[in-house]
């Protein structure tokens, strides 16, 4: 049984990435519109329920944008997060020489 990934057309991945970038552009516009709508809603002093809905829409659009850009870049989010935490906490770094050495 052959592996489908090995037999895939070479340009197929580039076309998929092009779709992701198009989706990211659309989500970017949606996120900006969501945050602008939230700002206008706050300025107009809308009801609490409306503010909540505007905030949720803006947050979900922004989160979708981040994940889509990460997928388009091919970033392994879990690995990147591990590296960031290692730098911040110093855990998992190469072992430092001890006083006994």
N, C-alpha and C. Protein backbone atom coordinates (compact mmCIF):
# COMPACT_ATOMS: atom_id res chain seq x y z
N UNK A 1 0.85 -1.18 0.00
CA UNK A 1 0.00 0.00 0.00
C UNK A 1 0.89 1.24 0.00
N UNK A 2 0.64 2.16 -0.92
CA UNK A 2 1.48 3.34 -1.04
C UNK A 2 0.94 4.48 -0.19
N UNK A 3 1.82 5.35 0.13
CA UNK A 3 1.46 6.51 0.94
C UNK A 3 0.93 7.61 0.02
N UNK A 4 -0.24 8.14 0.31
CA UNK A 4 -0.84 9.17 -0.53
C UNK A 4 -0.04 10.46 -0.52
N UNK A 5 0.63 10.75 0.59
CA UNK A 5 1.40 11.98 0.67
C UNK A 5 2.59 11.93 -0.28
N UNK A 6 3.22 10.77 -0.39
CA UNK A 6 4.36 10.64 -1.29
C UNK A 6 3.94 10.76 -2.75
N UNK A 7 2.72 10.38 -3.07
CA UNK A 7 2.24 10.40 -4.45
C UNK A 7 1.50 11.69 -4.79
N UNK A 8 1.41 12.62 -3.88
CA UNK A 8 0.68 13.86 -4.12
C UNK A 8 1.42 14.71 -5.14
N UNK A 9 0.68 15.52 -5.84
CA UNK A 9 1.28 16.43 -6.83
C UNK A 9 2.11 17.47 -6.09
N UNK A 10 3.26 17.88 -6.64
CA UNK A 10 4.12 18.84 -5.94
C UNK A 10 3.47 20.20 -5.69
N UNK A 11 2.64 20.67 -6.59
CA UNK A 11 2.03 21.99 -6.43
C UNK A 11 0.83 22.00 -5.52
N UNK A 12 0.40 20.82 -5.07
CA UNK A 12 -0.80 20.73 -4.25
C UNK A 12 -0.64 21.44 -2.92
N UNK A 13 0.51 21.30 -2.29
CA UNK A 13 0.73 21.97 -1.01
C UNK A 13 0.77 23.48 -1.17
N UNK A 14 1.35 23.96 -2.27
CA UNK A 14 1.38 25.40 -2.50
C UNK A 14 -0.01 25.96 -2.71
N UNK A 15 -0.86 25.20 -3.41
CA UNK A 15 -2.24 25.65 -3.61
C UNK A 15 -2.97 25.69 -2.27
N UNK A 16 -2.72 24.71 -1.41
CA UNK A 16 -3.34 24.69 -0.09
C UNK A 16 -2.90 25.87 0.75
N UNK A 17 -1.64 26.21 0.65
CA UNK A 17 -1.13 27.37 1.40
C UNK A 17 -1.73 28.66 0.86
N UNK A 18 -1.93 28.72 -0.46
CA UNK A 18 -2.55 29.90 -1.05
C UNK A 18 -3.97 30.09 -0.51
N UNK A 19 -4.69 28.98 -0.37
CA UNK A 19 -6.02 29.05 0.22
C UNK A 19 -5.95 29.54 1.66
N UNK A 20 -4.97 29.05 2.41
CA UNK A 20 -4.84 29.48 3.81
C UNK A 20 -4.55 30.97 3.91
N UNK A 21 -3.71 31.48 3.00
CA UNK A 21 -3.42 32.91 3.03
C UNK A 21 -4.64 33.74 2.65
N UNK A 22 -5.44 33.24 1.70
CA UNK A 22 -6.68 33.92 1.34
C UNK A 22 -7.64 33.91 2.52
N UNK A 23 -7.75 32.77 3.18
CA UNK A 23 -8.60 32.68 4.36
C UNK A 23 -8.09 33.60 5.46
N UNK A 24 -6.77 33.68 5.62
CA UNK A 24 -6.20 34.57 6.65
C UNK A 24 -6.52 36.03 6.35
N UNK A 25 -6.47 36.41 5.07
CA UNK A 25 -6.82 37.79 4.71
C UNK A 25 -8.28 38.08 5.04
N UNK A 26 -9.15 37.14 4.70
CA UNK A 26 -10.58 37.30 5.02
C UNK A 26 -10.79 37.40 6.52
N UNK A 27 -10.13 36.53 7.28
CA UNK A 27 -10.28 36.55 8.73
C UNK A 27 -9.66 37.81 9.34
N UNK A 28 -8.61 38.32 8.71
CA UNK A 28 -8.02 39.57 9.18
C UNK A 28 -9.00 40.73 9.06
N UNK A 29 -9.68 40.78 7.92
CA UNK A 29 -10.70 41.81 7.73
C UNK A 29 -11.82 41.62 8.74
N UNK A 30 -12.24 40.37 8.94
CA UNK A 30 -13.31 40.09 9.90
C UNK A 30 -12.89 40.49 11.32
N UNK A 31 -11.63 40.21 11.69
CA UNK A 31 -11.15 40.55 13.03
C UNK A 31 -11.11 42.06 13.23
N UNK A 32 -10.58 42.77 12.23
CA UNK A 32 -10.52 44.23 12.34
C UNK A 32 -11.93 44.81 12.44
N UNK A 33 -12.83 44.32 11.61
CA UNK A 33 -14.23 44.79 11.67
C UNK A 33 -14.86 44.47 13.02
N UNK A 34 -14.54 43.29 13.56
CA UNK A 34 -15.08 42.92 14.87
C UNK A 34 -14.61 43.85 15.97
N UNK A 35 -13.31 44.18 15.95
CA UNK A 35 -12.78 45.06 16.98
C UNK A 35 -13.28 46.50 16.81
N UNK A 36 -13.42 46.93 15.56
CA UNK A 36 -13.97 48.26 15.32
C UNK A 36 -15.42 48.31 15.80
N UNK A 37 -16.18 47.26 15.50
CA UNK A 37 -17.58 47.21 15.95
C UNK A 37 -17.66 47.23 17.48
N UNK A 38 -16.75 46.52 18.13
CA UNK A 38 -16.73 46.55 19.60
C UNK A 38 -16.42 47.95 20.11
N UNK A 39 -15.46 48.60 19.50
CA UNK A 39 -15.12 49.97 19.90
C UNK A 39 -16.28 50.92 19.72
N UNK A 40 -16.96 50.80 18.58
CA UNK A 40 -18.13 51.66 18.34
C UNK A 40 -19.23 51.33 19.34
N UNK A 41 -19.41 50.04 19.63
CA UNK A 41 -20.42 49.65 20.61
C UNK A 41 -20.12 50.21 21.99
N UNK A 42 -18.85 50.21 22.37
CA UNK A 42 -18.48 50.80 23.67
C UNK A 42 -18.70 52.30 23.66
N UNK A 43 -18.37 52.94 22.55
CA UNK A 43 -18.54 54.38 22.44
C UNK A 43 -20.02 54.76 22.51
N UNK A 44 -20.87 53.92 21.90
CA UNK A 44 -22.31 54.19 21.90
C UNK A 44 -22.98 53.74 23.19
N UNK A 45 -22.23 53.11 24.06
CA UNK A 45 -22.74 52.62 25.35
C UNK A 45 -23.93 51.69 25.15
N UNK A 46 -23.69 50.61 24.37
CA UNK A 46 -24.75 49.63 24.11
C UNK A 46 -24.98 48.78 25.34
N UNK A 47 -26.04 47.98 25.30
CA UNK A 47 -26.37 47.13 26.44
C UNK A 47 -25.28 46.09 26.68
N UNK A 48 -25.31 45.55 27.88
CA UNK A 48 -24.29 44.57 28.30
C UNK A 48 -24.29 43.35 27.38
N UNK A 49 -25.44 42.84 27.01
CA UNK A 49 -25.54 41.66 26.15
C UNK A 49 -24.93 41.92 24.78
N UNK A 50 -25.20 43.08 24.23
CA UNK A 50 -24.64 43.45 22.92
C UNK A 50 -23.12 43.57 23.00
N UNK A 51 -22.63 44.17 24.07
CA UNK A 51 -21.17 44.29 24.25
C UNK A 51 -20.54 42.92 24.32
N UNK A 52 -21.18 42.01 25.04
CA UNK A 52 -20.66 40.65 25.18
C UNK A 52 -20.59 39.95 23.83
N UNK A 53 -21.64 40.08 23.03
CA UNK A 53 -21.67 39.45 21.71
C UNK A 53 -20.58 40.06 20.82
N UNK A 54 -20.43 41.37 20.84
CA UNK A 54 -19.40 42.03 20.03
C UNK A 54 -18.00 41.58 20.44
N UNK A 55 -17.78 41.45 21.75
CA UNK A 55 -16.47 41.01 22.24
C UNK A 55 -16.19 39.57 21.84
N UNK A 56 -17.19 38.71 21.92
CA UNK A 56 -17.00 37.30 21.55
C UNK A 56 -16.71 37.17 20.07
N UNK A 57 -17.44 37.91 19.24
CA UNK A 57 -17.21 37.84 17.79
C UNK A 57 -15.80 38.32 17.45
N UNK A 58 -15.37 39.42 18.05
CA UNK A 58 -14.03 39.94 17.79
C UNK A 58 -12.96 38.95 18.26
N UNK A 59 -13.15 38.36 19.42
CA UNK A 59 -12.16 37.43 19.97
C UNK A 59 -12.08 36.15 19.14
N UNK A 60 -13.21 35.62 18.73
CA UNK A 60 -13.21 34.38 17.93
C UNK A 60 -12.59 34.63 16.56
N UNK A 61 -12.89 35.77 15.95
CA UNK A 61 -12.29 36.10 14.65
C UNK A 61 -10.78 36.25 14.77
N UNK A 62 -10.33 36.87 15.84
CA UNK A 62 -8.89 37.04 16.05
C UNK A 62 -8.21 35.70 16.30
N UNK A 63 -8.81 34.85 17.10
CA UNK A 63 -8.24 33.53 17.37
C UNK A 63 -8.17 32.70 16.09
N UNK A 64 -9.22 32.74 15.29
CA UNK A 64 -9.22 32.02 14.01
C UNK A 64 -8.12 32.55 13.09
N UNK A 65 -7.91 33.85 13.12
CA UNK A 65 -6.84 34.46 12.31
C UNK A 65 -5.48 33.95 12.75
N UNK A 66 -5.23 33.91 14.05
CA UNK A 66 -3.93 33.43 14.55
C UNK A 66 -3.68 31.98 14.14
N UNK A 67 -4.67 31.12 14.30
CA UNK A 67 -4.49 29.70 13.96
C UNK A 67 -4.31 29.51 12.46
N UNK A 68 -5.03 30.30 11.66
CA UNK A 68 -4.89 30.18 10.21
C UNK A 68 -3.51 30.63 9.74
N UNK A 69 -3.02 31.72 10.29
CA UNK A 69 -1.68 32.19 9.93
C UNK A 69 -0.63 31.18 10.38
N UNK A 70 -0.81 30.60 11.56
CA UNK A 70 0.13 29.57 12.02
C UNK A 70 0.11 28.37 11.09
N UNK A 71 -1.05 27.97 10.61
CA UNK A 71 -1.14 26.84 9.68
C UNK A 71 -0.51 27.21 8.35
N UNK A 72 -0.72 28.43 7.88
CA UNK A 72 -0.16 28.85 6.60
C UNK A 72 1.37 28.92 6.66
N UNK A 73 1.89 29.29 7.81
CA UNK A 73 3.34 29.36 7.98
C UNK A 73 3.95 27.99 8.26
N UNK A 74 3.10 27.04 8.61
CA UNK A 74 3.60 25.71 8.94
C UNK A 74 4.20 25.64 10.33
N UNK A 75 3.77 26.50 11.19
CA UNK A 75 4.31 26.57 12.54
C UNK A 75 3.66 25.50 13.39
N UNK A 76 4.47 24.74 14.07
CA UNK A 76 3.94 23.80 15.04
C UNK A 76 3.73 24.58 16.33
N UNK A 77 2.49 24.89 16.62
CA UNK A 77 2.18 25.76 17.74
C UNK A 77 2.62 25.14 19.06
N UNK A 78 2.46 23.84 19.20
CA UNK A 78 2.83 23.19 20.45
C UNK A 78 4.34 23.27 20.66
N UNK A 79 5.11 23.00 19.62
CA UNK A 79 6.57 23.08 19.74
C UNK A 79 7.04 24.51 20.00
N UNK A 80 6.42 25.46 19.33
CA UNK A 80 6.79 26.86 19.55
C UNK A 80 6.49 27.27 20.99
N UNK A 81 5.36 26.83 21.49
CA UNK A 81 4.99 27.16 22.87
C UNK A 81 5.97 26.54 23.85
N UNK A 82 6.40 25.31 23.59
CA UNK A 82 7.39 24.66 24.45
C UNK A 82 8.69 25.45 24.47
N UNK A 83 9.13 25.89 23.29
CA UNK A 83 10.39 26.67 23.23
C UNK A 83 10.26 27.98 23.98
N UNK A 84 9.13 28.64 23.85
CA UNK A 84 8.93 29.91 24.56
C UNK A 84 8.98 29.69 26.07
N UNK A 85 8.30 28.66 26.56
CA UNK A 85 8.31 28.40 28.00
C UNK A 85 9.69 27.99 28.49
N UNK A 86 10.44 27.26 27.66
CA UNK A 86 11.81 26.91 28.06
C UNK A 86 12.67 28.15 28.21
N UNK A 87 12.51 29.11 27.29
CA UNK A 87 13.29 30.34 27.39
C UNK A 87 12.90 31.16 28.61
N UNK A 88 11.60 31.22 28.88
CA UNK A 88 11.13 32.03 30.01
C UNK A 88 11.55 31.41 31.33
N UNK A 89 11.34 30.11 31.48
CA UNK A 89 11.58 29.47 32.77
C UNK A 89 13.00 28.93 32.93
N UNK A 90 13.70 28.72 31.81
CA UNK A 90 15.04 28.16 31.89
C UNK A 90 15.04 26.66 32.04
N UNK A 91 13.85 26.03 32.04
CA UNK A 91 13.77 24.58 32.16
C UNK A 91 14.07 23.94 30.83
N UNK A 92 14.67 22.78 30.88
CA UNK A 92 14.94 22.05 29.66
C UNK A 92 16.17 22.56 28.93
N UNK A 93 16.81 23.58 29.46
CA UNK A 93 18.03 24.08 28.84
C UNK A 93 19.16 23.08 29.09
N UNK A 94 20.21 23.24 28.36
CA UNK A 94 21.34 22.34 28.57
C UNK A 94 21.81 22.47 30.02
N UNK A 95 22.21 21.36 30.58
CA UNK A 95 22.56 21.37 31.99
C UNK A 95 23.77 22.26 32.25
N UNK A 96 23.62 23.10 33.24
CA UNK A 96 24.69 24.01 33.62
C UNK A 96 25.68 23.25 34.49
N UNK A 97 26.94 23.64 34.45
CA UNK A 97 27.92 22.97 35.30
C UNK A 97 27.60 23.19 36.78
N UNK A 98 27.78 22.16 37.56
CA UNK A 98 27.49 22.28 38.98
C UNK A 98 28.77 22.67 39.73
N UNK A 99 28.61 22.99 41.00
CA UNK A 99 29.75 23.43 41.80
C UNK A 99 30.74 22.30 42.03
N UNK A 100 30.28 21.04 41.99
CA UNK A 100 31.16 19.91 42.22
C UNK A 100 32.14 19.68 41.07
N UNK A 101 31.79 20.17 39.91
CA UNK A 101 32.67 19.96 38.75
C UNK A 101 33.77 20.90 38.79
